[in-house]
Amino acid sequence: MTIKWLKAAGIRALKTAAQTAIGVIGATTVFGEVNWPVVGGTVLLATVTSLLTSLAGLPEVNE
């Protein structure tokens, strides 16, 4: 893993985290109030999954 890979994977993971948070917050408000532990856990899981998926390769990083 290089600095370039870490930066690209981090950016992807951050975007995934933001998209997941928006989706989960929106979905939970339909059922009442936002359950923040559920939002946090879901965002964390999506972020880890994004980083693990990036291990397979990133098209923007030529190694």
C-alpha atoms as a PDB file:
ATOM      1  CA  MET A   1       0.000   0.000   0.000  1.00  0.00           C
ATOM      2  CA  THR A   2       1.293   3.372  -0.979  1.00  0.00           C
ATOM      3  CA  ILE A   3       0.370   6.872   0.121  1.00  0.00           C
ATOM      4  CA  LYS A   4      -1.495   7.316  -3.177  1.00  0.00           C
ATOM      5  CA  TRP A   5      -3.527   4.155  -2.514  1.00  0.00           C
ATOM      6  CA  LEU A   6      -4.290   5.168   1.065  1.00  0.00           C
ATOM      7  CA  LYS A   7      -5.500   8.580  -0.093  1.00  0.00           C
ATOM      8  CA  ALA A   8      -7.700   7.135  -2.867  1.00  0.00           C
ATOM      9  CA  ALA A   9      -9.123   4.414  -0.596  1.00  0.00           C
ATOM     10  CA  GLY A  10      -9.741   6.979   2.151  1.00  0.00           C
ATOM     11  CA  ILE A  11     -11.621   9.272  -0.198  1.00  0.00           C
ATOM     12  CA  ARG A  12     -13.762   6.381  -1.418  1.00  0.00           C
ATOM     13  CA  ALA A  13     -14.460   5.259   2.147  1.00  0.00           C
ATOM     14  CA  LEU A  14     -15.405   8.797   3.201  1.00  0.00           C
ATOM     15  CA  LYS A  15     -17.826   9.119   0.273  1.00  0.00           C
ATOM     16  CA  THR A  16     -19.334   5.736   1.128  1.00  0.00           C
ATOM     17  CA  ALA A  17     -19.712   6.770   4.772  1.00  0.00           C
ATOM     18  CA  ALA A  18     -21.494   9.999   3.800  1.00  0.00           C
ATOM     19  CA  GLN A  19     -23.826   8.242   1.358  1.00  0.00           C
ATOM     20  CA  THR A  20     -24.653   5.567   3.922  1.00  0.00           C
ATOM     21  CA  ALA A  21     -25.324   8.138   6.650  1.00  0.00           C
ATOM     22  CA  ILE A  22     -27.697  10.058   4.386  1.00  0.00           C
ATOM     23  CA  GLY A  23     -29.579   6.873   3.502  1.00  0.00           C
ATOM     24  CA  VAL A  24     -29.829   5.542   7.046  1.00  0.00           C
ATOM     25  CA  ILE A  25     -30.815   8.897   8.557  1.00  0.00           C
ATOM     26  CA  GLY A  26     -33.485   9.279   5.894  1.00  0.00           C
ATOM     27  CA  ALA A  27     -34.796   5.768   6.430  1.00  0.00           C
ATOM     28  CA  THR A  28     -34.898   6.000  10.217  1.00  0.00           C
ATOM     29  CA  THR A  29     -36.767   9.308  10.202  1.00  0.00           C
ATOM     30  CA  VAL A  30     -39.596   7.573   8.355  1.00  0.00           C
ATOM     31  CA  PHE A  31     -40.082   5.325  11.398  1.00  0.00           C
ATOM     32  CA  GLY A  32     -39.851   8.100  13.969  1.00  0.00           C
ATOM     33  CA  GLU A  33     -36.677   9.572  15.374  1.00  0.00           C
ATOM     34  CA  VAL A  34     -33.109   8.923  14.253  1.00  0.00           C
ATOM     35  CA  ASN A  35     -31.481   6.019  16.092  1.00  0.00           C
ATOM     36  CA  TRP A  36     -27.880   7.298  16.223  1.00  0.00           C
ATOM     37  CA  PRO A  37     -26.273   4.026  17.347  1.00  0.00           C
ATOM     38  CA  VAL A  38     -27.805   2.321  14.302  1.00  0.00           C
ATOM     39  CA  VAL A  39     -26.574   5.123  12.038  1.00  0.00           C
ATOM     40  CA  GLY A  40     -23.071   4.950  13.512  1.00  0.00           C
ATOM     41  CA  GLY A  41     -22.847   1.164  13.288  1.00  0.00           C
ATOM     42  CA  THR A  42     -24.112   1.090   9.731  1.00  0.00           C
ATOM     43  CA  VAL A  43     -21.736   3.848   8.631  1.00  0.00           C
ATOM     44  CA  LEU A  44     -18.805   2.078  10.302  1.00  0.00           C
ATOM     45  CA  LEU A  45     -19.653  -1.212   8.595  1.00  0.00           C
ATOM     46  CA  ALA A  46     -19.989   0.482   5.190  1.00  0.00           C
ATOM     47  CA  THR A  47     -16.653   2.276   5.669  1.00  0.00           C
ATOM     48  CA  VAL A  48     -14.820  -0.938   6.571  1.00  0.00           C
ATOM     49  CA  THR A  49     -16.449  -2.723   3.635  1.00  0.00           C
ATOM     50  CA  SER A  50     -15.325   0.062   1.298  1.00  0.00           C
ATOM     51  CA  LEU A  51     -11.736  -0.177   2.514  1.00  0.00           C
ATOM     52  CA  LEU A  52     -11.733  -3.962   2.169  1.00  0.00           C
ATOM     53  CA  THR A  53     -13.163  -3.695  -1.347  1.00  0.00           C
ATOM     54  CA  SER A  54     -10.393  -1.247  -2.230  1.00  0.00           C
ATOM     55  CA  LEU A  55      -7.840  -3.958  -1.439  1.00  0.00           C
ATOM     56  CA  ALA A  56      -8.898  -5.638  -4.691  1.00  0.00           C
ATOM     57  CA  GLY A  57      -7.643  -2.590  -6.556  1.00  0.00           C
ATOM     58  CA  LEU A  58      -8.430   0.984  -7.363  1.00  0.00           C
ATOM     59  CA  PRO A  59      -8.616   2.110 -10.999  1.00  0.00           C
ATOM     60  CA  GLU A  60      -7.279   5.558 -10.133  1.00  0.00           C
ATOM     61  CA  VAL A  61      -4.102   4.083  -8.639  1.00  0.00           C
ATOM     62  CA  ASN A  62      -1.678   2.549 -11.126  1.00  0.00           C
ATOM     63  CA  GLU A  63       0.797   0.364  -9.315  1.00  0.00           C
END
